[in-house]
PDB file of N, CA and C in Angstrom:
ATOM      1  N   MET A   1      -1.088 -15.654 -11.652  1.00  0.00           N
ATOM      2  CA  MET A   1       0.022 -14.331 -11.440  1.00  0.00           C
ATOM      3  C   MET A   1      -0.544 -13.496 -12.556  1.00  0.00           C
ATOM      4  N   SER A   2      -1.113 -12.248 -12.597  1.00  0.00           N
ATOM      5  CA  SER A   2      -1.219 -11.064 -13.648  1.00  0.00           C
ATOM      6  C   SER A   2      -0.175 -10.323 -13.346  1.00  0.00           C
ATOM      7  N   SER A   3       0.585 -10.362 -14.554  1.00  0.00           N
ATOM      8  CA  SER A   3       1.614  -9.554 -14.445  1.00  0.00           C
ATOM      9  C   SER A   3       1.364  -8.055 -14.907  1.00  0.00           C
ATOM     10  N   ASP A   4       0.230  -7.811 -15.412  1.00  0.00           N
ATOM     11  CA  ASP A   4      -0.458  -6.307 -15.766  1.00  0.00           C
ATOM     12  C   ASP A   4      -1.067  -5.505 -14.480  1.00  0.00           C
ATOM     13  N   GLN A   5      -1.037  -6.417 -13.444  1.00  0.00           N
ATOM     14  CA  GLN A   5      -1.670  -5.921 -12.063  1.00  0.00           C
ATOM     15  C   GLN A   5      -0.795  -4.855 -11.647  1.00  0.00           C
ATOM     16  N   ILE A   6      -1.069  -3.357 -11.270  1.00  0.00           N
ATOM     17  CA  ILE A   6      -0.076  -2.221 -10.745  1.00  0.00           C
ATOM     18  C   ILE A   6      -0.434  -2.100  -9.613  1.00  0.00           C
ATOM     19  N   VAL A   7       0.623  -2.639  -8.621  1.00  0.00           N
ATOM     20  CA  VAL A   7       1.004  -2.036  -7.302  1.00  0.00           C
ATOM     21  C   VAL A   7       1.222  -0.651  -7.078  1.00  0.00           C
ATOM     22  N   SER A   8       0.988   0.163  -6.282  1.00  0.00           N
ATOM     23  CA  SER A   8       1.164   1.331  -6.319  1.00  0.00           C
ATOM     24  C   SER A   8       1.683   1.456  -4.715  1.00  0.00           C
ATOM     25  N   ILE A   9       2.589   2.262  -4.550  1.00  0.00           N
ATOM     26  CA  ILE A   9       3.898   2.106  -3.531  1.00  0.00           C
ATOM     27  C   ILE A   9       3.530   3.847  -3.098  1.00  0.00           C
ATOM     28  N   VAL A  10       3.271   4.063  -1.733  1.00  0.00           N
ATOM     29  CA  VAL A  10       3.218   5.340  -1.645  1.00  0.00           C
ATOM     30  C   VAL A  10       4.021   5.672  -0.579  1.00  0.00           C
ATOM     31  N   ASP A  11       5.075   6.235  -0.338  1.00  0.00           N
ATOM     32  CA  ASP A  11       5.922   6.548   0.910  1.00  0.00           C
ATOM     33  C   ASP A  11       6.655   7.745   0.918  1.00  0.00           C
ATOM     34  N   ASP A  12       7.197   8.405   1.824  1.00  0.00           N
ATOM     35  CA  ASP A  12       7.309   9.948   1.754  1.00  0.00           C
ATOM     36  C   ASP A  12       9.231   9.602   1.463  1.00  0.00           C
ATOM     37  N   GLU A  13       9.454   8.395   2.435  1.00  0.00           N
ATOM     38  CA  GLU A  13      10.903   8.188   2.231  1.00  0.00           C
ATOM     39  C   GLU A  13      11.471   7.566   1.028  1.00  0.00           C
ATOM     40  N   GLU A  14      12.461   7.990   0.179  1.00  0.00           N
ATOM     41  CA  GLU A  14      12.675   7.855  -0.947  1.00  0.00           C
ATOM     42  C   GLU A  14      13.365   6.125  -0.919  1.00  0.00           C
ATOM     43  N   ALA A  15      14.140   5.943   0.091  1.00  0.00           N
ATOM     44  CA  ALA A  15      14.720   4.958   0.075  1.00  0.00           C
ATOM     45  C   ALA A  15      13.981   3.514   0.173  1.00  0.00           C
ATOM     46  N   VAL A  16      12.914   3.899   1.199  1.00  0.00           N
ATOM     47  CA  VAL A  16      11.957   3.019   1.505  1.00  0.00           C
ATOM     48  C   VAL A  16      11.259   2.780   0.112  1.00  0.00           C
ATOM     49  N   ARG A  17      10.796   3.868  -0.123  1.00  0.00           N
ATOM     50  CA  ARG A  17       9.932   3.550  -1.774  1.00  0.00           C
ATOM     51  C   ARG A  17      10.886   2.734  -2.665  1.00  0.00           C
ATOM     52  N   LEU A  18      12.078   3.083  -2.599  1.00  0.00           N
ATOM     53  CA  LEU A  18      12.786   2.421  -3.630  1.00  0.00           C
ATOM     54  C   LEU A  18      13.070   0.716  -3.516  1.00  0.00           C
ATOM     55  N   ALA A  19      13.244   0.762  -2.192  1.00  0.00           N
ATOM     56  CA  ALA A  19      13.383  -0.518  -1.401  1.00  0.00           C
ATOM     57  C   ALA A  19      12.381  -1.532  -1.967  1.00  0.00           C
ATOM     58  N   THR A  20      11.140  -0.924  -1.327  1.00  0.00           N
ATOM     59  CA  THR A  20       9.831  -1.637  -1.348  1.00  0.00           C
ATOM     60  C   THR A  20       9.464  -1.839  -2.896  1.00  0.00           C
ATOM     61  N   GLU A  21       9.765  -1.019  -3.832  1.00  0.00           N
ATOM     62  CA  GLU A  21       9.669  -1.142  -5.463  1.00  0.00           C
ATOM     63  C   GLU A  21      10.556  -2.365  -6.165  1.00  0.00           C
ATOM     64  N   SER A  22      11.820  -2.076  -5.596  1.00  0.00           N
ATOM     65  CA  SER A  22      12.521  -3.310  -5.705  1.00  0.00           C
ATOM     66  C   SER A  22      12.082  -4.892  -5.478  1.00  0.00           C
ATOM     67  N   LEU A  23      11.587  -5.265  -4.187  1.00  0.00           N
ATOM     68  CA  LEU A  23      11.190  -6.050  -3.501  1.00  0.00           C
ATOM     69  C   LEU A  23       9.891  -6.622  -4.394  1.00  0.00           C
ATOM     70  N   VAL A  24       8.748  -5.603  -4.510  1.00  0.00           N
ATOM     71  CA  VAL A  24       7.688  -5.988  -5.414  1.00  0.00           C
ATOM     72  C   VAL A  24       7.749  -6.607  -6.761  1.00  0.00           C
ATOM     73  N   ARG A  25       8.790  -5.707  -7.429  1.00  0.00           N
ATOM     74  CA  ARG A  25       9.384  -6.107  -8.846  1.00  0.00           C
ATOM     75  C   ARG A  25       9.497  -7.543  -8.677  1.00  0.00           C
ATOM     76  N   SER A  26      10.462  -7.868  -7.978  1.00  0.00           N
ATOM     77  CA  SER A  26      11.021  -8.967  -7.506  1.00  0.00           C
ATOM     78  C   SER A  26       9.991 -10.322  -7.586  1.00  0.00           C
ATOM     79  N   PHE A  27       9.040 -10.040  -7.351  1.00  0.00           N
ATOM     80  CA  PHE A  27       7.607 -10.919  -7.451  1.00  0.00           C
ATOM     81  C   PHE A  27       6.874 -10.749  -8.968  1.00  0.00           C
ATOM     82  N   GLY A  28       7.711  -9.977  -9.680  1.00  0.00           N
ATOM     83  CA  GLY A  28       7.036 -10.276 -10.899  1.00  0.00           C
ATOM     84  C   GLY A  28       5.782  -9.349 -11.443  1.00  0.00           C
ATOM     85  N   ARG A  29       6.050  -8.014 -10.263  1.00  0.00           N
ATOM     86  CA  ARG A  29       4.898  -7.072 -10.052  1.00  0.00           C
ATOM     87  C   ARG A  29       5.109  -5.886 -11.010  1.00  0.00           C
ATOM     88  N   GLN A  30       4.505  -5.172 -11.498  1.00  0.00           N
ATOM     89  CA  GLN A  30       4.326  -3.592 -11.999  1.00  0.00           C
ATOM     90  C   GLN A  30       4.237  -3.195 -10.931  1.00  0.00           C
ATOM     91  N   THR A  31       5.104  -1.834 -10.521  1.00  0.00           N
ATOM     92  CA  THR A  31       4.579  -0.889  -9.896  1.00  0.00           C
ATOM     93  C   THR A  31       4.605   0.540 -10.145  1.00  0.00           C
ATOM     94  N   ARG A  32       4.007   1.336  -9.151  1.00  0.00           N
ATOM     95  CA  ARG A  32       4.205   2.732  -9.507  1.00  0.00           C
ATOM     96  C   ARG A  32       4.395   3.538  -8.506  1.00  0.00           C
ATOM     97  N   LEU A  33       5.405   4.473  -8.042  1.00  0.00           N
ATOM     98  CA  LEU A  33       5.535   5.329  -6.921  1.00  0.00           C
ATOM     99  C   LEU A  33       5.433   6.271  -6.658  1.00  0.00           C
ATOM    100  N   PHE A  34       4.818   6.689  -5.453  1.00  0.00           N
ATOM    101  CA  PHE A  34       4.370   8.260  -5.368  1.00  0.00           C
ATOM    102  C   PHE A  34       5.229   8.427  -3.792  1.00  0.00           C
ATOM    103  N   ALA A  35       5.322   9.929  -3.902  1.00  0.00           N
ATOM    104  CA  ALA A  35       6.404  10.538  -2.399  1.00  0.00           C
ATOM    105  C   ALA A  35       5.083  10.957  -1.584  1.00  0.00           C
ATOM    106  N   SER A  36       3.928  11.013  -1.851  1.00  0.00           N
ATOM    107  CA  SER A  36       2.779  11.338  -0.783  1.00  0.00           C
ATOM    108  C   SER A  36       1.369  10.915  -1.193  1.00  0.00           C
ATOM    109  N   ALA A  37       0.935  11.199   0.014  1.00  0.00           N
ATOM    110  CA  ALA A  37      -0.528  10.712  -0.475  1.00  0.00           C
ATOM    111  C   ALA A  37      -1.335  11.678  -1.567  1.00  0.00           C
ATOM    112  N   GLU A  38      -1.283  12.654  -1.299  1.00  0.00           N
ATOM    113  CA  GLU A  38      -1.968  13.825  -2.325  1.00  0.00           C
ATOM    114  C   GLU A  38      -1.350  13.364  -3.560  1.00  0.00           C
ATOM    115  N   GLU A  39      -0.071  12.835  -4.055  1.00  0.00           N
ATOM    116  CA  GLU A  39       0.444  12.470  -4.772  1.00  0.00           C
ATOM    117  C   GLU A  39      -0.490  11.327  -5.811  1.00  0.00           C
ATOM    118  N   PHE A  40      -0.617  10.200  -4.913  1.00  0.00           N
ATOM    119  CA  PHE A  40      -1.482   9.372  -5.279  1.00  0.00           C
ATOM    120  C   PHE A  40      -2.759   9.846  -5.998  1.00  0.00           C
ATOM    121  N   LEU A  41      -3.171  10.236  -4.629  1.00  0.00           N
ATOM    122  CA  LEU A  41      -4.917  10.935  -4.887  1.00  0.00           C
ATOM    123  C   LEU A  41      -4.859  11.626  -6.153  1.00  0.00           C
ATOM    124  N   GLN A  42      -4.201  12.247  -6.575  1.00  0.00           N
ATOM    125  CA  GLN A  42      -4.260  13.188  -8.026  1.00  0.00           C
ATOM    126  C   GLN A  42      -3.942  12.394  -8.869  1.00  0.00           C
ATOM    127  N   SER A  43      -3.210  11.306  -9.084  1.00  0.00           N
ATOM    128  CA  SER A  43      -2.883  10.253 -10.088  1.00  0.00           C
ATOM    129  C   SER A  43      -4.010   9.867 -11.038  1.00  0.00           C
ATOM    130  N   ASP A  44      -3.851   9.061 -12.024  1.00  0.00           N
ATOM    131  CA  ASP A  44      -4.933   8.993 -12.902  1.00  0.00           C
ATOM    132  C   ASP A  44      -5.174   6.908 -12.428  1.00  0.00           C
ATOM    133  N   LEU A  45      -4.216   6.591 -11.207  1.00  0.00           N
ATOM    134  CA  LEU A  45      -3.747   5.466 -11.081  1.00  0.00           C
ATOM    135  C   LEU A  45      -5.042   4.635  -9.884  1.00  0.00           C
ATOM    136  N   LEU A  46      -5.620   5.406  -9.356  1.00  0.00           N
ATOM    137  CA  LEU A  46      -6.718   5.353  -8.281  1.00  0.00           C
ATOM    138  C   LEU A  46      -7.333   4.286  -8.629  1.00  0.00           C
ATOM    139  N   ALA A  47      -7.858   4.387  -9.769  1.00  0.00           N
ATOM    140  CA  ALA A  47      -9.366   3.120 -10.032  1.00  0.00           C
ATOM    141  C   ALA A  47      -8.398   1.990 -10.704  1.00  0.00           C
ATOM    142  N   VAL A  48      -7.304   1.963 -11.019  1.00  0.00           N
ATOM    143  CA  VAL A  48      -6.490   0.615 -11.584  1.00  0.00           C
ATOM    144  C   VAL A  48      -5.430   0.089 -10.683  1.00  0.00           C
ATOM    145  N   THR A  49      -5.311   0.810  -9.525  1.00  0.00           N
ATOM    146  CA  THR A  49      -4.609   0.271  -8.656  1.00  0.00           C
ATOM    147  C   THR A  49      -4.909  -1.469  -7.952  1.00  0.00           C
ATOM    148  N   ALA A  50      -4.255  -2.504  -8.301  1.00  0.00           N
ATOM    149  CA  ALA A  50      -4.778  -4.085  -7.958  1.00  0.00           C
ATOM    150  C   ALA A  50      -4.259  -3.982  -6.490  1.00  0.00           C
ATOM    151  N   CYS A  51      -3.248  -3.329  -5.887  1.00  0.00           N
ATOM    152  CA  CYS A  51      -2.923  -3.431  -4.447  1.00  0.00           C
ATOM    153  C   CYS A  51      -2.230  -1.858  -4.220  1.00  0.00           C
ATOM    154  N   LEU A  52      -2.317  -1.446  -2.919  1.00  0.00           N
ATOM    155  CA  LEU A  52      -1.974  -0.568  -2.404  1.00  0.00           C
ATOM    156  C   LEU A  52      -0.738  -0.642  -1.223  1.00  0.00           C
ATOM    157  N   ILE A  53       0.430  -0.190  -1.582  1.00  0.00           N
ATOM    158  CA  ILE A  53       1.315  -0.287  -0.371  1.00  0.00           C
ATOM    159  C   ILE A  53       1.552   0.945   0.389  1.00  0.00           C
ATOM    160  N   SER A  54       1.176   1.430   1.682  1.00  0.00           N
ATOM    161  CA  SER A  54       1.332   2.899   1.873  1.00  0.00           C
ATOM    162  C   SER A  54       2.063   2.734   3.235  1.00  0.00           C
ATOM    163  N   ASP A  55       3.092   3.768   3.547  1.00  0.00           N
ATOM    164  CA  ASP A  55       3.303   3.937   4.744  1.00  0.00           C
ATOM    165  C   ASP A  55       2.226   4.782   5.409  1.00  0.00           C
ATOM    166  N   VAL A  56       2.498   4.636   6.747  1.00  0.00           N
ATOM    167  CA  VAL A  56       1.306   5.393   7.546  1.00  0.00           C
ATOM    168  C   VAL A  56       1.787   6.959   8.074  1.00  0.00           C
ATOM    169  N   MET A  57       2.886   7.291   8.448  1.00  0.00           N
ATOM    170  CA  MET A  57       3.226   8.245   9.263  1.00  0.00           C
ATOM    171  C   MET A  57       4.209   9.148   7.768  1.00  0.00           C
ATOM    172  N   MET A  58       3.454   9.961   7.178  1.00  0.00           N
ATOM    173  CA  MET A  58       3.984  11.020   6.102  1.00  0.00           C
ATOM    174  C   MET A  58       3.559  12.299   6.398  1.00  0.00           C
ATOM    175  N   PRO A  59       4.225  13.161   5.858  1.00  0.00           N
ATOM    176  CA  PRO A  59       4.068  14.911   6.288  1.00  0.00           C
ATOM    177  C   PRO A  59       2.647  15.392   5.266  1.00  0.00           C
ATOM    178  N   GLY A  60       1.886  15.870   5.587  1.00  0.00           N
ATOM    179  CA  GLY A  60       0.337  15.905   5.296  1.00  0.00           C
ATOM    180  C   GLY A  60      -0.239  15.128   5.435  1.00  0.00           C
ATOM    181  N   MET A  61      -0.943  14.347   4.235  1.00  0.00           N
ATOM    182  CA  MET A  61      -1.790  13.407   5.166  1.00  0.00           C
ATOM    183  C   MET A  61      -1.556  12.019   5.097  1.00  0.00           C
ATOM    184  N   SER A  62      -1.934  11.167   5.921  1.00  0.00           N
ATOM    185  CA  SER A  62      -1.119  10.084   6.413  1.00  0.00           C
ATOM    186  C   SER A  62      -1.922   9.146   5.506  1.00  0.00           C
ATOM    187  N   GLY A  63      -1.549   7.888   5.460  1.00  0.00           N
ATOM    188  CA  GLY A  63      -1.612   6.801   4.884  1.00  0.00           C
ATOM    189  C   GLY A  63      -3.052   6.325   5.419  1.00  0.00           C
ATOM    190  N   VAL A  64      -3.301   6.331   6.255  1.00  0.00           N
ATOM    191  CA  VAL A  64      -4.698   6.061   6.749  1.00  0.00           C
ATOM    192  C   VAL A  64      -6.074   6.998   6.400  1.00  0.00           C
ATOM    193  N   ALA A  65      -5.288   8.174   6.331  1.00  0.00           N
ATOM    194  CA  ALA A  65      -6.107   9.190   5.982  1.00  0.00           C
ATOM    195  C   ALA A  65      -6.524   9.223   4.679  1.00  0.00           C
ATOM    196  N   MET A  66      -5.516   8.774   3.920  1.00  0.00           N
ATOM    197  CA  MET A  66      -5.457   8.772   2.250  1.00  0.00           C
ATOM    198  C   MET A  66      -6.454   7.475   2.002  1.00  0.00           C
ATOM    199  N   HIS A  67      -6.304   6.584   2.876  1.00  0.00           N
ATOM    200  CA  HIS A  67      -6.807   5.072   2.506  1.00  0.00           C
ATOM    201  C   HIS A  67      -8.469   5.479   2.759  1.00  0.00           C
ATOM    202  N   GLU A  68      -8.691   6.116   3.828  1.00  0.00           N
ATOM    203  CA  GLU A  68     -10.040   6.576   4.131  1.00  0.00           C
ATOM    204  C   GLU A  68     -10.982   7.271   3.007  1.00  0.00           C
ATOM    205  N   ARG A  69      -9.964   8.295   2.268  1.00  0.00           N
ATOM    206  CA  ARG A  69     -10.453   9.112   1.224  1.00  0.00           C
ATOM    207  C   ARG A  69     -10.698   8.381  -0.235  1.00  0.00           C
ATOM    208  N   ILE A  70      -9.957   7.556  -0.347  1.00  0.00           N
ATOM    209  CA  ILE A  70      -9.946   6.460  -1.723  1.00  0.00           C
ATOM    210  C   ILE A  70     -11.291   5.433  -1.337  1.00  0.00           C
ATOM    211  N   LEU A  71     -11.347   5.257   0.027  1.00  0.00           N
ATOM    212  CA  LEU A  71     -12.906   4.649  -0.069  1.00  0.00           C
ATOM    213  C   LEU A  71     -14.140   5.667   0.043  1.00  0.00           C
ATOM    214  N   SER A  72     -14.143   6.905   0.466  1.00  0.00           N
ATOM    215  CA  SER A  72     -14.730   7.929   0.083  1.00  0.00           C
ATOM    216  C   SER A  72     -15.171   7.836  -1.537  1.00  0.00           C
ATOM    217  N   LEU A  73     -14.078   7.860  -1.837  1.00  0.00           N
ATOM    218  CA  LEU A  73     -14.417   8.105  -3.560  1.00  0.00           C
ATOM    219  C   LEU A  73     -14.991   7.059  -4.178  1.00  0.00           C
ATOM    220  N   GLY A  74     -15.121   5.912  -3.591  1.00  0.00           N
ATOM    221  CA  GLY A  74     -15.644   4.534  -4.196  1.00  0.00           C
ATOM    222  C   GLY A  74     -14.662   3.612  -4.388  1.00  0.00           C
ATOM    223  N   HIS A  75     -13.423   3.768  -4.288  1.00  0.00           N
ATOM    224  CA  HIS A  75     -12.351   2.845  -4.792  1.00  0.00           C
ATOM    225  C   HIS A  75     -12.043   1.771  -3.274  1.00  0.00           C
ATOM    226  N   ALA A  76     -11.930   0.699  -3.651  1.00  0.00           N
ATOM    227  CA  ALA A  76     -11.133  -0.094  -2.303  1.00  0.00           C
ATOM    228  C   ALA A  76     -10.048  -0.805  -2.507  1.00  0.00           C
ATOM    229  N   PRO A  77      -9.052  -0.799  -3.236  1.00  0.00           N
ATOM    230  CA  PRO A  77      -7.719  -1.594  -3.582  1.00  0.00           C
ATOM    231  C   PRO A  77      -7.292  -2.386  -2.461  1.00  0.00           C
ATOM    232  N   PRO A  78      -6.774  -3.476  -2.414  1.00  0.00           N
ATOM    233  CA  PRO A  78      -6.432  -4.267  -1.410  1.00  0.00           C
ATOM    234  C   PRO A  78      -5.096  -3.382  -0.745  1.00  0.00           C
ATOM    235  N   THR A  79      -4.993  -3.101   0.484  1.00  0.00           N
ATOM    236  CA  THR A  79      -4.216  -2.104   1.201  1.00  0.00           C
ATOM    237  C   THR A  79      -3.338  -2.872   2.369  1.00  0.00           C
ATOM    238  N   ILE A  80      -1.983  -2.586   1.762  1.00  0.00           N
ATOM    239  CA  ILE A  80      -0.842  -3.038   2.984  1.00  0.00           C
ATOM    240  C   ILE A  80      -0.263  -1.777   3.503  1.00  0.00           C
ATOM    241  N   PHE A  81      -0.277  -1.661   4.904  1.00  0.00           N
ATOM    242  CA  PHE A  81       0.383  -0.382   5.338  1.00  0.00           C
ATOM    243  C   PHE A  81       1.562  -0.884   5.965  1.00  0.00           C
ATOM    244  N   ILE A  82       2.500  -0.316   6.082  1.00  0.00           N
ATOM    245  CA  ILE A  82       3.861   0.105   6.874  1.00  0.00           C
ATOM    246  C   ILE A  82       3.620   0.956   7.814  1.00  0.00           C
ATOM    247  N   THR A  83       4.361   0.673   8.755  1.00  0.00           N
ATOM    248  CA  THR A  83       5.089   1.704   9.611  1.00  0.00           C
ATOM    249  C   THR A  83       5.879   1.216  10.861  1.00  0.00           C
ATOM    250  N   ALA A  84       6.841   2.467  11.171  1.00  0.00           N
ATOM    251  CA  ALA A  84       7.474   2.174  12.232  1.00  0.00           C
ATOM    252  C   ALA A  84       7.074   2.169  13.463  1.00  0.00           C
ATOM    253  N   PHE A  85       5.679   2.683  13.644  1.00  0.00           N
ATOM    254  CA  PHE A  85       5.084   3.072  14.642  1.00  0.00           C
ATOM    255  C   PHE A  85       3.718   2.173  15.095  1.00  0.00           C
ATOM    256  N   PRO A  86       3.662   0.848  15.273  1.00  0.00           N
ATOM    257  CA  PRO A  86       2.599  -0.143  15.224  1.00  0.00           C
ATOM    258  C   PRO A  86       1.815   0.284  16.443  1.00  0.00           C
ATOM    259  N   THR A  87       0.797   0.780  16.446  1.00  0.00           N
ATOM    260  CA  THR A  87       0.025   0.918  17.690  1.00  0.00           C
ATOM    261  C   THR A  87      -1.334  -0.324  17.546  1.00  0.00           C
ATOM    262  N   ALA A  88      -1.857  -0.448  18.831  1.00  0.00           N
ATOM    263  CA  ALA A  88      -3.075  -1.367  18.577  1.00  0.00           C
ATOM    264  C   ALA A  88      -4.228  -0.514  18.121  1.00  0.00           C
ATOM    265  N   ASP A  89      -4.425   1.140  18.179  1.00  0.00           N
ATOM    266  CA  ASP A  89      -5.545   1.877  17.670  1.00  0.00           C
ATOM    267  C   ASP A  89      -5.199   1.949  16.153  1.00  0.00           C
ATOM    268  N   LEU A  90      -3.880   2.035  15.443  1.00  0.00           N
ATOM    269  CA  LEU A  90      -3.663   2.094  14.117  1.00  0.00           C
ATOM    270  C   LEU A  90      -4.369   0.646  13.605  1.00  0.00           C
ATOM    271  N   LYS A  91      -3.607  -0.099  14.382  1.00  0.00           N
ATOM    272  CA  LYS A  91      -4.204  -1.552  13.451  1.00  0.00           C
ATOM    273  C   LYS A  91      -5.572  -1.843  13.713  1.00  0.00           C
ATOM    274  N   ALA A  92      -6.320  -1.317  15.011  1.00  0.00           N
ATOM    275  CA  ALA A  92      -7.605  -1.687  14.639  1.00  0.00           C
ATOM    276  C   ALA A  92      -8.569  -0.174  13.613  1.00  0.00           C
ATOM    277  N   ARG A  93      -7.931   0.773  13.868  1.00  0.00           N
ATOM    278  CA  ARG A  93      -8.483   1.486  12.784  1.00  0.00           C
ATOM    279  C   ARG A  93      -8.258   1.259  11.154  1.00  0.00           C
ATOM    280  N   ALA A  94      -7.075   0.562  11.076  1.00  0.00           N
ATOM    281  CA  ALA A  94      -6.965   0.062   9.621  1.00  0.00           C
ATOM    282  C   ALA A  94      -7.765  -1.215   9.575  1.00  0.00           C
ATOM    283  N   ALA A  95      -7.965  -2.035  10.266  1.00  0.00           N
ATOM    284  CA  ALA A  95      -8.793  -3.126   9.896  1.00  0.00           C
ATOM    285  C   ALA A  95     -10.348  -2.902   9.657  1.00  0.00           C
ATOM    286  N   GLU A  96     -10.590  -1.805  10.473  1.00  0.00           N
ATOM    287  CA  GLU A  96     -11.658  -1.429  10.590  1.00  0.00           C
ATOM    288  C   GLU A  96     -12.266  -0.839   8.766  1.00  0.00           C
ATOM    289  N   ASN A  97     -11.093  -0.317   8.619  1.00  0.00           N
ATOM    290  CA  ASN A  97     -11.693   0.462   6.852  1.00  0.00           C
ATOM    291  C   ASN A  97     -10.885  -0.831   5.932  1.00  0.00           C
ATOM    292  N   GLY A  98     -10.927  -1.972   6.068  1.00  0.00           N
ATOM    293  CA  GLY A  98     -10.618  -2.966   5.353  1.00  0.00           C
ATOM    294  C   GLY A  98      -9.293  -3.109   4.800  1.00  0.00           C
ATOM    295  N   ALA A  99      -8.493  -2.612   5.879  1.00  0.00           N
ATOM    296  CA  ALA A  99      -6.747  -2.729   5.173  1.00  0.00           C
ATOM    297  C   ALA A  99      -6.636  -4.170   5.461  1.00  0.00           C
ATOM    298  N   LEU A 100      -5.770  -4.702   4.557  1.00  0.00           N
ATOM    299  CA  LEU A 100      -5.092  -6.450   4.924  1.00  0.00           C
ATOM    300  C   LEU A 100      -4.605  -6.471   5.786  1.00  0.00           C
ATOM    301  N   ALA A 101      -3.402  -5.578   5.610  1.00  0.00           N
ATOM    302  CA  ALA A 101      -2.143  -5.823   7.213  1.00  0.00           C
ATOM    303  C   ALA A 101      -1.805  -4.562   7.262  1.00  0.00           C
ATOM    304  N   VAL A 102      -1.477  -4.339   8.444  1.00  0.00           N
ATOM    305  CA  VAL A 102      -0.364  -3.451   8.954  1.00  0.00           C
ATOM    306  C   VAL A 102       1.181  -4.047   9.569  1.00  0.00           C
ATOM    307  N   LEU A 103       1.971  -4.029   8.418  1.00  0.00           N
ATOM    308  CA  LEU A 103       3.259  -4.523   9.052  1.00  0.00           C
ATOM    309  C   LEU A 103       4.305  -3.600   9.419  1.00  0.00           C
ATOM    310  N   ASP A 104       5.131  -3.846   9.958  1.00  0.00           N
ATOM    311  CA  ASP A 104       6.220  -3.359  10.970  1.00  0.00           C
ATOM    312  C   ASP A 104       7.360  -3.363  10.221  1.00  0.00           C
ATOM    313  N   LYS A 105       7.993  -1.522  10.390  1.00  0.00           N
ATOM    314  CA  LYS A 105       9.126  -1.567   9.811  1.00  0.00           C
ATOM    315  C   LYS A 105      10.267  -2.340  10.374  1.00  0.00           C
ATOM    316  N   PRO A 106      11.344  -2.447  10.267  1.00  0.00           N
ATOM    317  CA  PRO A 106      11.845  -2.981   9.013  1.00  0.00           C
ATOM    318  C   PRO A 106      10.670  -4.236   8.408  1.00  0.00           C
ATOM    319  N   VAL A 107      10.075  -4.017   7.065  1.00  0.00           N
ATOM    320  CA  VAL A 107       9.203  -4.796   6.630  1.00  0.00           C
ATOM    321  C   VAL A 107       9.943  -6.113   6.012  1.00  0.00           C
ATOM    322  N   ASP A 108       9.148  -7.343   7.042  1.00  0.00           N
ATOM    323  CA  ASP A 108       9.664  -8.444   6.336  1.00  0.00           C
ATOM    324  C   ASP A 108       9.402  -8.801   4.625  1.00  0.00           C
ATOM    325  N   PRO A 109      10.426  -9.176   4.083  1.00  0.00           N
ATOM    326  CA  PRO A 109       9.963  -9.394   2.431  1.00  0.00           C
ATOM    327  C   PRO A 109       8.885 -10.399   2.555  1.00  0.00           C
ATOM    328  N   ASP A 110       9.155 -11.769   3.278  1.00  0.00           N
ATOM    329  CA  ASP A 110       8.367 -12.886   2.930  1.00  0.00           C
ATOM    330  C   ASP A 110       6.572 -12.551   3.486  1.00  0.00           C
ATOM    331  N   ALA A 111       6.649 -11.513   4.365  1.00  0.00           N
ATOM    332  CA  ALA A 111       5.629 -10.839   4.914  1.00  0.00           C
ATOM    333  C   ALA A 111       4.642  -9.968   3.583  1.00  0.00           C
ATOM    334  N   ILE A 112       5.523  -9.089   2.996  1.00  0.00           N
ATOM    335  CA  ILE A 112       4.999  -8.537   2.034  1.00  0.00           C
ATOM    336  C   ILE A 112       4.630  -9.332   0.410  1.00  0.00           C
ATOM    337  N   ALA A 113       5.538 -10.650   0.463  1.00  0.00           N
ATOM    338  CA  ALA A 113       4.860 -11.507  -0.499  1.00  0.00           C
ATOM    339  C   ALA A 113       3.852 -12.280  -0.243  1.00  0.00           C
ATOM    340  N   HIS A 114       3.274 -12.545   0.702  1.00  0.00           N
ATOM    341  CA  HIS A 114       2.369 -13.304   1.485  1.00  0.00           C
ATOM    342  C   HIS A 114       1.080 -12.213   1.190  1.00  0.00           C
ATOM    343  N   TRP A 115       1.193 -11.052   1.638  1.00  0.00           N
ATOM    344  CA  TRP A 115      -0.242 -10.097   1.452  1.00  0.00           C
ATOM    345  C   TRP A 115      -0.301  -9.876   0.204  1.00  0.00           C
ATOM    346  N   LEU A 116       0.806  -9.731  -0.614  1.00  0.00           N
ATOM    347  CA  LEU A 116       0.658  -9.365  -2.332  1.00  0.00           C
ATOM    348  C   LEU A 116       0.210 -10.472  -2.973  1.00  0.00           C
ATOM    349  N   SER A 117       0.475 -11.894  -2.520  1.00  0.00           N
ATOM    350  CA  SER A 117      -0.089 -13.118  -2.897  1.00  0.00           C
ATOM    351  C   SER A 117      -1.932 -13.129  -2.626  1.00  0.00           C
ATOM    352  N   VAL A 118      -2.087 -12.474  -1.342  1.00  0.00           N
ATOM    353  CA  VAL A 118      -3.465 -12.771  -0.745  1.00  0.00           C
ATOM    354  C   VAL A 118      -4.293 -11.709  -1.676  1.00  0.00           C
ATOM    355  N   ALA A 119      -3.301 -10.550  -1.817  1.00  0.00           N
ATOM    356  CA  ALA A 119      -4.292  -9.268  -2.953  1.00  0.00           C
ATOM    357  C   ALA A 119      -4.516  -9.699  -4.253  1.00  0.00           C
ATOM    358  N   LEU A 120      -3.447 -10.248  -4.597  1.00  0.00           N
ATOM    359  CA  LEU A 120      -3.649 -10.153  -6.376  1.00  0.00           C
ATOM    360  C   LEU A 120      -3.511 -11.784  -7.012  1.00  0.00           C
ATOM    361  N   ASP A 121      -3.774 -12.660  -5.848  1.00  0.00           N
ATOM    362  CA  ASP A 121      -3.650 -13.954  -6.788  1.00  0.00           C
ATOM    363  C   ASP A 121      -5.014 -14.635  -6.617  1.00  0.00           C
ATOM    364  N   LEU A 122      -5.996 -13.984  -5.933  1.00  0.00           N
ATOM    365  CA  LEU A 122      -6.831 -14.433  -5.775  1.00  0.00           C
ATOM    366  C   LEU A 122      -7.858 -14.579  -7.081  1.00  0.00           C
ATOM    367  N   PRO A 123      -8.522 -15.945  -7.076  1.00  0.00           N
ATOM    368  CA  PRO A 123      -9.428 -16.069  -8.369  1.00  0.00           C
ATOM    369  C   PRO A 123     -10.182 -15.287  -8.610  1.00  0.00           C
ATOM    370  N   SER A 124     -10.615 -14.810  -9.799  1.00  0.00           N
ATOM    371  CA  SER A 124     -11.831 -14.057  -9.988  1.00  0.00           C
ATOM    372  C   SER A 124     -13.125 -14.470 -10.022  1.00  0.00           C
TER     373      SER A 124
END
């Protein structure tokens, strides 16, 4: 496990953002937090994010639209979506764009641990 890998967390709900950060940090990972898709896209962390965890439904740009924008900019961080409204269409669109997973809220900590491991612990 590389502790210098940055996990970027994008969620408009502060309580969810902080809880996700606490969970990810408990696995020994570095985190950076963003309150919106636009805030993340304007950050200098786009190219160095080792894994992206994003809410789907946010004011302004959705998590899926943000992911599509990231891909169009030439970046493809392993992405885990979290949502209170999982639909077959959402899961299909996310998978089509290469997302690792779409997890239902409330998120199971074991599911986050599993997908972070998939994203970050692969041998180079």
